[in-house]
Amino acid sequence: MLNSGCNSGFENRSRLTDSIDKDLGVEQDLVMERILENIHNTPIGAVLRKIASLPGVRKDKVLGVRQQLTEGKYDLSERLDVALEKVLEDLET
């Protein structure tokens, strides 16, 4: 009989913590929803939109450049200048 009393105490505590977790989850969801609604009107929202519009990473191209770099066949300074110009152009638009 002692065991059944102990088990019911744990069950009650588990129900209580589950209830608290659910309540916090709803509150956190509401806060996140408000943040997401207003983020579009902030400077960070503009940055996030820019990031979202960037193309995906082409792994094959990255691996090819890495190989050329290790072999000394990639002119880094010239290509870096071209890449920086493209980034600056994209930031202006």
C-alpha atoms as a PDB file:
ATOM      1  CA  MET A   1       0.000   0.000   0.000  1.00  0.00           C
ATOM      2  CA  LEU A   2       2.898   2.310   0.608  1.00  0.00           C
ATOM      3  CA  ASN A   3       3.912   2.008  -3.026  1.00  0.00           C
ATOM      4  CA  SER A   4       0.530   3.070  -4.327  1.00  0.00           C
ATOM      5  CA  GLY A   5       0.676   6.249  -2.230  1.00  0.00           C
ATOM      6  CA  CYS A   6       4.116   7.098  -3.604  1.00  0.00           C
ATOM      7  CA  ASN A   7       3.082   6.439  -7.176  1.00  0.00           C
ATOM      8  CA  SER A   8       0.022   8.659  -6.954  1.00  0.00           C
ATOM      9  CA  GLY A   9       2.210  11.494  -5.659  1.00  0.00           C
ATOM     10  CA  PHE A  10       4.457  11.197  -8.683  1.00  0.00           C
ATOM     11  CA  GLU A  11       1.479  11.012 -11.022  1.00  0.00           C
ATOM     12  CA  ASN A  12      -0.002  14.185  -9.509  1.00  0.00           C
ATOM     13  CA  ARG A  13       3.337  15.986  -9.796  1.00  0.00           C
ATOM     14  CA  SER A  14       3.671  14.836 -13.407  1.00  0.00           C
ATOM     15  CA  ARG A  15       0.209  16.159 -14.234  1.00  0.00           C
ATOM     16  CA  LEU A  16       1.059  19.472 -12.588  1.00  0.00           C
ATOM     17  CA  THR A  17       4.318  19.906 -14.509  1.00  0.00           C
ATOM     18  CA  ASP A  18       2.624  18.864 -17.763  1.00  0.00           C
ATOM     19  CA  SER A  19       0.000  21.552 -17.174  1.00  0.00           C
ATOM     20  CA  ILE A  20       2.660  24.180 -16.463  1.00  0.00           C
ATOM     21  CA  ASP A  21       4.633  23.170 -19.582  1.00  0.00           C
ATOM     22  CA  LYS A  22       1.516  23.460 -21.732  1.00  0.00           C
ATOM     23  CA  ASP A  23       0.713  26.898 -20.306  1.00  0.00           C
ATOM     24  CA  LEU A  24       4.247  28.150 -20.914  1.00  0.00           C
ATOM     25  CA  GLY A  25       4.198  26.728 -24.432  1.00  0.00           C
ATOM     26  CA  VAL A  26       1.070  28.676 -25.312  1.00  0.00           C
ATOM     27  CA  GLU A  27       2.485  31.880 -23.832  1.00  0.00           C
ATOM     28  CA  GLN A  28       5.767  31.432 -25.684  1.00  0.00           C
ATOM     29  CA  ASP A  29       3.884  30.767 -28.917  1.00  0.00           C
ATOM     30  CA  LEU A  30       1.954  34.020 -28.517  1.00  0.00           C
ATOM     31  CA  VAL A  31       5.156  35.975 -27.902  1.00  0.00           C
ATOM     32  CA  MET A  32       6.810  34.407 -30.939  1.00  0.00           C
ATOM     33  CA  GLU A  33       3.744  35.155 -33.042  1.00  0.00           C
ATOM     34  CA  ARG A  34       3.886  38.836 -32.046  1.00  0.00           C
ATOM     35  CA  ILE A  35       7.590  38.981 -32.839  1.00  0.00           C
ATOM     36  CA  LEU A  36       7.053  37.434 -36.266  1.00  0.00           C
ATOM     37  CA  GLU A  37       4.185  39.803 -37.035  1.00  0.00           C
ATOM     38  CA  ASN A  38       6.343  42.855 -36.291  1.00  0.00           C
ATOM     39  CA  ILE A  39       9.702  41.670 -37.598  1.00  0.00           C
ATOM     40  CA  HIS A  40       8.912  42.768 -41.145  1.00  0.00           C
ATOM     41  CA  ASN A  41       8.881  46.395 -40.027  1.00  0.00           C
ATOM     42  CA  THR A  42      12.338  46.349 -38.428  1.00  0.00           C
ATOM     43  CA  PRO A  43      15.866  46.659 -39.837  1.00  0.00           C
ATOM     44  CA  ILE A  44      16.588  43.078 -38.840  1.00  0.00           C
ATOM     45  CA  GLY A  45      13.505  42.051 -40.806  1.00  0.00           C
ATOM     46  CA  ALA A  46      15.003  43.641 -43.902  1.00  0.00           C
ATOM     47  CA  VAL A  47      18.242  41.711 -43.351  1.00  0.00           C
ATOM     48  CA  LEU A  48      16.328  38.464 -42.855  1.00  0.00           C
ATOM     49  CA  ARG A  49      14.423  39.041 -46.102  1.00  0.00           C
ATOM     50  CA  LYS A  50      17.734  39.562 -47.930  1.00  0.00           C
ATOM     51  CA  ILE A  51      19.153  36.371 -46.425  1.00  0.00           C
ATOM     52  CA  ALA A  52      16.034  34.413 -47.344  1.00  0.00           C
ATOM     53  CA  SER A  53      16.333  35.542 -50.957  1.00  0.00           C
ATOM     54  CA  LEU A  54      19.936  34.347 -51.320  1.00  0.00           C
ATOM     55  CA  PRO A  55      20.506  31.265 -53.446  1.00  0.00           C
ATOM     56  CA  GLY A  56      21.450  27.970 -51.836  1.00  0.00           C
ATOM     57  CA  VAL A  57      25.028  26.799 -51.452  1.00  0.00           C
ATOM     58  CA  ARG A  58      26.352  24.760 -54.344  1.00  0.00           C
ATOM     59  CA  LYS A  59      28.504  22.162 -52.609  1.00  0.00           C
ATOM     60  CA  ASP A  60      30.110  20.956 -55.813  1.00  0.00           C
ATOM     61  CA  LYS A  61      31.334  24.456 -56.585  1.00  0.00           C
ATOM     62  CA  VAL A  62      32.636  25.000 -53.035  1.00  0.00           C
ATOM     63  CA  LEU A  63      34.522  21.701 -53.084  1.00  0.00           C
ATOM     64  CA  GLY A  64      36.010  22.540 -56.472  1.00  0.00           C
ATOM     65  CA  VAL A  65      37.286  25.908 -55.252  1.00  0.00           C
ATOM     66  CA  ARG A  66      38.728  24.291 -52.115  1.00  0.00           C
ATOM     67  CA  GLN A  67      40.621  21.814 -54.248  1.00  0.00           C
ATOM     68  CA  GLN A  68      41.962  24.586 -56.510  1.00  0.00           C
ATOM     69  CA  LEU A  69      43.053  26.575 -53.430  1.00  0.00           C
ATOM     70  CA  THR A  70      44.981  23.651 -51.965  1.00  0.00           C
ATOM     71  CA  GLU A  71      46.649  23.021 -55.334  1.00  0.00           C
ATOM     72  CA  GLY A  72      47.554  26.714 -55.716  1.00  0.00           C
ATOM     73  CA  LYS A  73      45.513  27.035 -58.938  1.00  0.00           C
ATOM     74  CA  TYR A  74      42.963  29.592 -57.680  1.00  0.00           C
ATOM     75  CA  ASP A  75      43.754  33.314 -57.980  1.00  0.00           C
ATOM     76  CA  LEU A  76      42.163  34.396 -54.729  1.00  0.00           C
ATOM     77  CA  SER A  77      42.868  38.138 -54.855  1.00  0.00           C
ATOM     78  CA  GLU A  78      41.325  38.669 -58.304  1.00  0.00           C
ATOM     79  CA  ARG A  79      38.261  36.557 -57.597  1.00  0.00           C
ATOM     80  CA  LEU A  80      37.794  38.134 -54.180  1.00  0.00           C
ATOM     81  CA  ASP A  81      37.601  41.585 -55.773  1.00  0.00           C
ATOM     82  CA  VAL A  82      34.940  40.368 -58.218  1.00  0.00           C
ATOM     83  CA  ALA A  83      32.944  38.722 -55.427  1.00  0.00           C
ATOM     84  CA  LEU A  84      33.082  41.844 -53.251  1.00  0.00           C
ATOM     85  CA  GLU A  85      31.864  43.999 -56.132  1.00  0.00           C
ATOM     86  CA  LYS A  86      28.888  41.674 -56.631  1.00  0.00           C
ATOM     87  CA  VAL A  87      28.042  41.743 -52.922  1.00  0.00           C
ATOM     88  CA  LEU A  88      28.192  45.539 -52.834  1.00  0.00           C
ATOM     89  CA  GLU A  89      25.965  45.756 -55.908  1.00  0.00           C
ATOM     90  CA  ASP A  90      23.433  43.448 -54.290  1.00  0.00           C
ATOM     91  CA  LEU A  91      23.423  45.507 -51.080  1.00  0.00           C
ATOM     92  CA  GLU A  92      22.675  48.691 -53.024  1.00  0.00           C
ATOM     93  CA  THR A  93      19.525  47.226 -54.557  1.00  0.00           C
END
